[in-house]
Amino acid sequence: MDTKAKESPITQRTLELCQAIVDQSDFQVLKQKLDAFLSNELLKFEYQQINGLGDLLRMKQGQGLDLKPEEVTQFETLREKFLTDPVAQGFLDAQEQLQQLHEVVSRFLNKTFELGRRPEYEDVHDGSCSDCGCH
C-alpha cells in the first residue's frame, strides 16, 4: 500500500476528509478567530509574556523555590488583562475547539487501526467521560 503517492486512494480520501472539515461553517468561524488573534501583534506579545512568565513560575515551583508575591501578581494581572480582550477570548476558545476536533478525528482513526474496520460511533464513544471531550 503506497500511501505516499499523490493519487493513492488513502491520500485522496484523506484530502477529502480535510476538505470536509475546512468546508464546515463552524471551522471557518474558528479560523477567523485564530486569524484575528494572529494579526494582532500586541495580543500575541501579551500571550508570549503570559506563557513565558507562567513557564518561569512553574519551573521555580517545580524546583521547590518560593514564588515572590509580586511575580504571582504580575502573572495574574497580565492574564486578567489578556482575558478581557474579546479577540483573545475568541482565540483561546478556537484553540480549545480545534483541539477537541483533532482529538475526535484522532480517536476515530486510531480505532480504525485497532479494529481493522471502520468504527461505529459507539466504538469510539462508549459513554465514559474520557470520551466526551469535556476534560
N, C-alpha and C. Protein backbone atom coordinates (compact mmCIF):
# COMPACT_ATOMS: atom_id res chain seq x y z
N MET A 1 0.85 -1.18 0.00
CA MET A 1 0.00 0.00 0.00
C MET A 1 0.89 1.24 0.00
N ASP A 2 0.90 1.94 -1.11
CA ASP A 2 1.71 3.15 -1.25
C ASP A 2 0.88 4.35 -0.87
N THR A 3 1.10 4.84 0.34
CA THR A 3 0.32 5.99 0.82
C THR A 3 1.00 7.31 0.53
N LYS A 4 2.22 7.25 -0.04
CA LYS A 4 2.94 8.49 -0.33
C LYS A 4 2.60 9.05 -1.70
N ALA A 5 2.07 8.23 -2.56
CA ALA A 5 1.73 8.68 -3.91
C ALA A 5 0.55 9.64 -3.86
N LYS A 6 0.65 10.69 -4.64
CA LYS A 6 -0.40 11.71 -4.67
C LYS A 6 -1.76 11.13 -5.05
N GLU A 7 -1.75 10.14 -5.93
CA GLU A 7 -3.01 9.59 -6.42
C GLU A 7 -3.47 8.34 -5.67
N SER A 8 -2.80 7.99 -4.57
CA SER A 8 -3.22 6.81 -3.82
C SER A 8 -4.61 7.04 -3.22
N PRO A 9 -5.42 5.97 -3.11
CA PRO A 9 -6.76 6.12 -2.53
C PRO A 9 -6.74 6.68 -1.10
N ILE A 10 -5.78 6.28 -0.31
CA ILE A 10 -5.69 6.78 1.07
C ILE A 10 -5.43 8.28 1.07
N THR A 11 -4.49 8.70 0.26
CA THR A 11 -4.17 10.13 0.17
C THR A 11 -5.39 10.92 -0.31
N GLN A 12 -6.06 10.42 -1.32
CA GLN A 12 -7.23 11.13 -1.86
C GLN A 12 -8.36 11.22 -0.84
N ARG A 13 -8.63 10.14 -0.13
CA ARG A 13 -9.69 10.15 0.88
C ARG A 13 -9.32 11.04 2.06
N THR A 14 -8.05 11.06 2.41
CA THR A 14 -7.60 11.92 3.50
C THR A 14 -7.78 13.38 3.10
N LEU A 15 -7.45 13.70 1.86
CA LEU A 15 -7.65 15.06 1.37
C LEU A 15 -9.14 15.42 1.37
N GLU A 16 -10.00 14.44 1.05
CA GLU A 16 -11.44 14.69 1.09
C GLU A 16 -11.90 14.97 2.52
N LEU A 17 -11.37 14.23 3.48
CA LEU A 17 -11.71 14.48 4.88
C LEU A 17 -11.27 15.89 5.28
N CYS A 18 -10.05 16.24 4.90
CA CYS A 18 -9.55 17.58 5.22
C CYS A 18 -10.46 18.65 4.62
N GLN A 19 -10.89 18.45 3.38
CA GLN A 19 -11.76 19.43 2.73
C GLN A 19 -13.11 19.49 3.43
N ALA A 20 -13.63 18.34 3.85
CA ALA A 20 -14.92 18.32 4.56
C ALA A 20 -14.82 19.11 5.86
N ILE A 21 -13.69 19.00 6.55
CA ILE A 21 -13.50 19.75 7.79
C ILE A 21 -13.45 21.25 7.49
N VAL A 22 -12.65 21.62 6.51
CA VAL A 22 -12.48 23.03 6.16
C VAL A 22 -13.80 23.64 5.68
N ASP A 23 -14.63 22.85 5.02
CA ASP A 23 -15.89 23.36 4.47
C ASP A 23 -16.95 23.61 5.54
N GLN A 24 -16.77 23.12 6.73
CA GLN A 24 -17.75 23.34 7.80
C GLN A 24 -17.75 24.81 8.21
N SER A 25 -18.93 25.38 8.33
CA SER A 25 -19.02 26.80 8.70
C SER A 25 -18.43 27.03 10.09
N ASP A 26 -18.62 26.08 11.00
CA ASP A 26 -18.04 26.22 12.34
C ASP A 26 -16.52 26.31 12.27
N PHE A 27 -15.92 25.53 11.39
CA PHE A 27 -14.47 25.57 11.24
C PHE A 27 -14.03 26.94 10.73
N GLN A 28 -14.78 27.48 9.80
CA GLN A 28 -14.44 28.79 9.25
C GLN A 28 -14.51 29.88 10.32
N VAL A 29 -15.47 29.77 11.22
CA VAL A 29 -15.58 30.73 12.33
C VAL A 29 -14.35 30.61 13.24
N LEU A 30 -13.94 29.38 13.53
CA LEU A 30 -12.74 29.18 14.35
C LEU A 30 -11.51 29.76 13.67
N LYS A 31 -11.41 29.54 12.38
CA LYS A 31 -10.27 30.05 11.61
C LYS A 31 -10.24 31.58 11.65
N GLN A 32 -11.40 32.21 11.57
CA GLN A 32 -11.47 33.67 11.63
C GLN A 32 -11.00 34.18 12.99
N LYS A 33 -11.37 33.46 14.06
CA LYS A 33 -10.93 33.85 15.40
C LYS A 33 -9.42 33.74 15.53
N LEU A 34 -8.86 32.66 14.99
CA LEU A 34 -7.40 32.49 15.02
C LEU A 34 -6.71 33.59 14.22
N ASP A 35 -7.23 33.87 13.03
CA ASP A 35 -6.63 34.90 12.18
C ASP A 35 -6.70 36.28 12.83
N ALA A 36 -7.80 36.58 13.51
CA ALA A 36 -7.93 37.87 14.19
C ALA A 36 -6.86 38.01 15.26
N PHE A 37 -6.61 36.94 15.99
CA PHE A 37 -5.57 36.97 17.02
C PHE A 37 -4.19 37.10 16.38
N LEU A 38 -3.93 36.29 15.37
CA LEU A 38 -2.60 36.27 14.75
C LEU A 38 -2.25 37.58 14.05
N SER A 39 -3.25 38.36 13.70
CA SER A 39 -2.97 39.65 13.07
C SER A 39 -2.80 40.78 14.09
N ASN A 40 -2.96 40.46 15.37
CA ASN A 40 -2.84 41.47 16.43
C ASN A 40 -1.51 41.28 17.17
N GLU A 41 -0.54 42.09 16.80
CA GLU A 41 0.82 41.94 17.35
C GLU A 41 0.86 42.16 18.86
N LEU A 42 0.07 43.09 19.37
CA LEU A 42 0.06 43.36 20.80
C LEU A 42 -0.46 42.16 21.58
N LEU A 43 -1.55 41.59 21.12
CA LEU A 43 -2.10 40.41 21.80
C LEU A 43 -1.13 39.23 21.75
N LYS A 44 -0.49 39.04 20.62
CA LYS A 44 0.49 37.95 20.52
C LYS A 44 1.65 38.17 21.50
N PHE A 45 2.09 39.41 21.62
CA PHE A 45 3.16 39.74 22.57
C PHE A 45 2.72 39.47 24.00
N GLU A 46 1.50 39.91 24.34
CA GLU A 46 0.98 39.68 25.69
C GLU A 46 0.86 38.18 25.97
N TYR A 47 0.41 37.43 24.99
CA TYR A 47 0.27 35.98 25.14
C TYR A 47 1.64 35.33 25.41
N GLN A 48 2.65 35.78 24.67
CA GLN A 48 4.01 35.27 24.88
C GLN A 48 4.52 35.62 26.27
N GLN A 49 4.22 36.84 26.71
CA GLN A 49 4.63 37.25 28.06
C GLN A 49 3.99 36.37 29.12
N ILE A 50 2.71 36.14 29.00
CA ILE A 50 1.98 35.32 29.96
C ILE A 50 2.54 33.90 29.98
N ASN A 51 2.74 33.34 28.80
CA ASN A 51 3.28 31.98 28.73
C ASN A 51 4.69 31.90 29.29
N GLY A 52 5.52 32.87 28.97
CA GLY A 52 6.89 32.89 29.47
C GLY A 52 6.94 33.01 30.98
N LEU A 53 6.16 33.92 31.51
CA LEU A 53 6.13 34.11 32.96
C LEU A 53 5.52 32.88 33.65
N GLY A 54 4.49 32.31 33.05
CA GLY A 54 3.88 31.10 33.60
C GLY A 54 4.87 29.94 33.62
N ASP A 55 5.63 29.80 32.55
CA ASP A 55 6.66 28.75 32.50
C ASP A 55 7.71 28.96 33.59
N LEU A 56 8.13 30.21 33.76
CA LEU A 56 9.12 30.53 34.78
C LEU A 56 8.60 30.20 36.18
N LEU A 57 7.37 30.56 36.45
CA LEU A 57 6.78 30.30 37.77
C LEU A 57 6.64 28.79 38.00
N ARG A 58 6.22 28.05 36.99
CA ARG A 58 6.11 26.59 37.12
C ARG A 58 7.47 25.96 37.35
N MET A 59 8.48 26.45 36.65
CA MET A 59 9.83 25.92 36.81
C MET A 59 10.33 26.17 38.23
N LYS A 60 10.14 27.39 38.71
CA LYS A 60 10.58 27.71 40.08
C LYS A 60 9.85 26.84 41.09
N GLN A 61 8.55 26.70 40.90
CA GLN A 61 7.75 25.89 41.81
C GLN A 61 8.20 24.42 41.76
N GLY A 62 8.48 23.94 40.56
CA GLY A 62 8.93 22.56 40.38
C GLY A 62 10.27 22.30 41.05
N GLN A 63 11.08 23.33 41.17
CA GLN A 63 12.39 23.20 41.82
C GLN A 63 12.31 23.47 43.32
N GLY A 64 11.09 23.69 43.80
CA GLY A 64 10.91 23.93 45.23
C GLY A 64 11.26 25.34 45.68
N LEU A 65 11.41 26.26 44.73
CA LEU A 65 11.73 27.64 45.08
C LEU A 65 10.46 28.41 45.42
N ASP A 66 10.59 29.35 46.31
CA ASP A 66 9.45 30.18 46.69
C ASP A 66 9.13 31.17 45.57
N LEU A 67 7.84 31.34 45.35
CA LEU A 67 7.40 32.33 44.38
C LEU A 67 7.19 33.65 45.11
N LYS A 68 7.73 34.70 44.54
CA LYS A 68 7.55 36.02 45.14
C LYS A 68 6.13 36.49 44.86
N PRO A 69 5.50 37.10 45.85
CA PRO A 69 4.12 37.58 45.64
C PRO A 69 4.00 38.52 44.44
N GLU A 70 5.01 39.35 44.21
CA GLU A 70 4.94 40.28 43.08
C GLU A 70 5.01 39.55 41.73
N GLU A 71 5.69 38.39 41.70
CA GLU A 71 5.72 37.59 40.47
C GLU A 71 4.33 37.02 40.16
N VAL A 72 3.70 36.51 41.19
CA VAL A 72 2.36 35.94 41.02
C VAL A 72 1.38 37.04 40.64
N THR A 73 1.49 38.19 41.29
CA THR A 73 0.61 39.32 40.98
C THR A 73 0.81 39.79 39.55
N GLN A 74 2.06 39.87 39.12
CA GLN A 74 2.35 40.28 37.75
C GLN A 74 1.71 39.30 36.76
N PHE A 75 1.86 38.01 37.02
CA PHE A 75 1.28 37.00 36.15
C PHE A 75 -0.25 37.13 36.10
N GLU A 76 -0.87 37.24 37.27
CA GLU A 76 -2.33 37.35 37.34
C GLU A 76 -2.83 38.61 36.64
N THR A 77 -2.12 39.72 36.81
CA THR A 77 -2.51 40.98 36.18
C THR A 77 -2.45 40.86 34.66
N LEU A 78 -1.35 40.31 34.15
CA LEU A 78 -1.21 40.11 32.70
C LEU A 78 -2.30 39.19 32.17
N ARG A 79 -2.54 38.12 32.90
CA ARG A 79 -3.53 37.12 32.48
C ARG A 79 -4.94 37.72 32.46
N GLU A 80 -5.30 38.43 33.52
CA GLU A 80 -6.64 39.02 33.59
C GLU A 80 -6.84 40.06 32.49
N LYS A 81 -5.83 40.87 32.24
CA LYS A 81 -5.92 41.88 31.17
C LYS A 81 -6.12 41.19 29.82
N PHE A 82 -5.35 40.14 29.59
CA PHE A 82 -5.44 39.40 28.33
C PHE A 82 -6.84 38.81 28.15
N LEU A 83 -7.37 38.23 29.21
CA LEU A 83 -8.66 37.55 29.13
C LEU A 83 -9.84 38.49 28.96
N THR A 84 -9.65 39.77 29.19
CA THR A 84 -10.74 40.73 28.99
C THR A 84 -10.90 41.12 27.52
N ASP A 85 -9.92 40.81 26.71
CA ASP A 85 -9.98 41.16 25.30
C ASP A 85 -10.82 40.12 24.54
N PRO A 86 -11.83 40.55 23.80
CA PRO A 86 -12.69 39.59 23.09
C PRO A 86 -11.93 38.79 22.02
N VAL A 87 -10.94 39.40 21.39
CA VAL A 87 -10.15 38.67 20.39
C VAL A 87 -9.33 37.57 21.06
N ALA A 88 -8.78 37.89 22.23
CA ALA A 88 -8.02 36.89 22.98
C ALA A 88 -8.93 35.76 23.43
N GLN A 89 -10.12 36.10 23.92
CA GLN A 89 -11.08 35.08 24.33
C GLN A 89 -11.47 34.20 23.15
N GLY A 90 -11.69 34.81 22.00
CA GLY A 90 -12.03 34.05 20.80
C GLY A 90 -10.91 33.12 20.39
N PHE A 91 -9.68 33.59 20.50
CA PHE A 91 -8.51 32.77 20.18
C PHE A 91 -8.43 31.55 21.10
N LEU A 92 -8.57 31.77 22.40
CA LEU A 92 -8.48 30.66 23.34
C LEU A 92 -9.62 29.67 23.13
N ASP A 93 -10.81 30.17 22.85
CA ASP A 93 -11.95 29.31 22.57
C ASP A 93 -11.71 28.50 21.29
N ALA A 94 -11.22 29.16 20.26
CA ALA A 94 -10.95 28.48 18.99
C ALA A 94 -9.88 27.41 19.17
N GLN A 95 -8.84 27.72 19.92
CA GLN A 95 -7.79 26.73 20.19
C GLN A 95 -8.37 25.49 20.85
N GLU A 96 -9.20 25.70 21.85
CA GLU A 96 -9.80 24.58 22.58
C GLU A 96 -10.70 23.74 21.66
N GLN A 97 -11.51 24.41 20.88
CA GLN A 97 -12.42 23.67 19.99
C GLN A 97 -11.66 22.91 18.90
N LEU A 98 -10.61 23.51 18.38
CA LEU A 98 -9.80 22.81 17.37
C LEU A 98 -9.08 21.61 17.97
N GLN A 99 -8.64 21.75 19.22
CA GLN A 99 -8.01 20.62 19.90
C GLN A 99 -9.01 19.48 20.07
N GLN A 100 -10.24 19.82 20.43
CA GLN A 100 -11.28 18.79 20.58
C GLN A 100 -11.58 18.12 19.24
N LEU A 101 -11.63 18.90 18.17
CA LEU A 101 -11.85 18.34 16.84
C LEU A 101 -10.71 17.38 16.48
N HIS A 102 -9.51 17.81 16.73
CA HIS A 102 -8.34 16.97 16.46
C HIS A 102 -8.42 15.66 17.24
N GLU A 103 -8.81 15.74 18.49
CA GLU A 103 -8.92 14.54 19.33
C GLU A 103 -9.98 13.58 18.80
N VAL A 104 -11.12 14.11 18.37
CA VAL A 104 -12.19 13.26 17.84
C VAL A 104 -11.73 12.55 16.57
N VAL A 105 -11.15 13.29 15.65
CA VAL A 105 -10.67 12.69 14.41
C VAL A 105 -9.61 11.64 14.72
N SER A 106 -8.71 11.95 15.63
CA SER A 106 -7.65 11.00 16.00
C SER A 106 -8.23 9.74 16.63
N ARG A 107 -9.26 9.89 17.48
CA ARG A 107 -9.87 8.71 18.10
C ARG A 107 -10.47 7.78 17.05
N PHE A 108 -11.15 8.37 16.07
CA PHE A 108 -11.74 7.54 15.02
C PHE A 108 -10.65 6.85 14.19
N LEU A 109 -9.60 7.57 13.86
CA LEU A 109 -8.51 6.95 13.09
C LEU A 109 -7.82 5.86 13.90
N ASN A 110 -7.53 6.15 15.15
CA ASN A 110 -6.88 5.15 15.99
C ASN A 110 -7.75 3.91 16.15
N LYS A 111 -9.04 4.11 16.30
CA LYS A 111 -9.96 2.97 16.46
C LYS A 111 -10.02 2.16 15.15
N THR A 112 -9.91 2.83 14.01
CA THR A 112 -9.87 2.13 12.73
C THR A 112 -8.69 1.16 12.68
N PHE A 113 -7.52 1.64 13.09
CA PHE A 113 -6.34 0.79 13.08
C PHE A 113 -6.46 -0.33 14.10
N GLU A 114 -7.05 -0.03 15.24
CA GLU A 114 -7.22 -1.02 16.30
C GLU A 114 -8.18 -2.13 15.88
N LEU A 115 -9.31 -1.75 15.28
CA LEU A 115 -10.34 -2.73 14.93
C LEU A 115 -10.14 -3.38 13.57
N GLY A 116 -9.41 -2.69 12.71
CA GLY A 116 -9.23 -3.20 11.35
C GLY A 116 -10.46 -3.02 10.49
N ARG A 117 -11.32 -2.11 10.88
CA ARG A 117 -12.54 -1.79 10.13
C ARG A 117 -12.95 -0.36 10.48
N ARG A 118 -13.91 0.15 9.73
CA ARG A 118 -14.44 1.46 10.06
C ARG A 118 -15.19 1.37 11.39
N PRO A 119 -14.83 2.21 12.36
CA PRO A 119 -15.52 2.14 13.64
C PRO A 119 -16.92 2.74 13.56
N GLU A 120 -17.78 2.24 14.39
CA GLU A 120 -19.10 2.83 14.56
C GLU A 120 -18.95 3.90 15.65
N TYR A 121 -19.91 4.78 15.71
CA TYR A 121 -19.89 5.84 16.72
C TYR A 121 -19.71 5.26 18.11
N GLU A 122 -20.42 4.18 18.40
CA GLU A 122 -20.38 3.55 19.72
C GLU A 122 -19.01 2.96 20.04
N ASP A 123 -18.25 2.59 19.00
CA ASP A 123 -16.90 2.06 19.22
C ASP A 123 -15.98 3.12 19.81
N VAL A 124 -16.22 4.34 19.44
CA VAL A 124 -15.36 5.45 19.87
C VAL A 124 -15.91 6.14 21.10
N HIS A 125 -17.21 6.26 21.18
CA HIS A 125 -17.88 6.94 22.29
C HIS A 125 -18.64 5.91 23.11
N ASP A 126 -17.97 5.35 24.09
CA ASP A 126 -18.58 4.28 24.88
C ASP A 126 -19.37 4.78 26.08
N GLY A 127 -19.55 6.10 26.18
CA GLY A 127 -20.33 6.65 27.27
C GLY A 127 -19.52 7.10 28.46
N SER A 128 -18.24 6.77 28.50
CA SER A 128 -17.42 7.22 29.63
C SER A 128 -17.02 8.67 29.41
N CYS A 129 -16.79 9.37 30.48
CA CYS A 129 -16.48 10.79 30.40
C CYS A 129 -15.18 11.05 29.63
N SER A 130 -14.25 10.11 29.66
CA SER A 130 -12.98 10.34 28.96
C SER A 130 -13.18 10.44 27.45
N ASP A 131 -14.33 10.00 26.95
CA ASP A 131 -14.58 10.06 25.51
C ASP A 131 -15.42 11.25 25.09
N CYS A 132 -15.86 12.06 26.03
CA CYS A 132 -16.80 13.12 25.65
C CYS A 132 -16.12 14.43 25.29
N GLY A 133 -14.84 14.57 25.57
CA GLY A 133 -14.16 15.81 25.25
C GLY A 133 -14.40 16.92 26.24
N CYS A 134 -14.97 16.59 27.39
CA CYS A 134 -15.28 17.64 28.37
C CYS A 134 -14.12 17.94 29.29
N HIS A 135 -13.07 17.18 29.24
CA HIS A 135 -11.92 17.39 30.13
C HIS A 135 -10.88 18.28 29.52
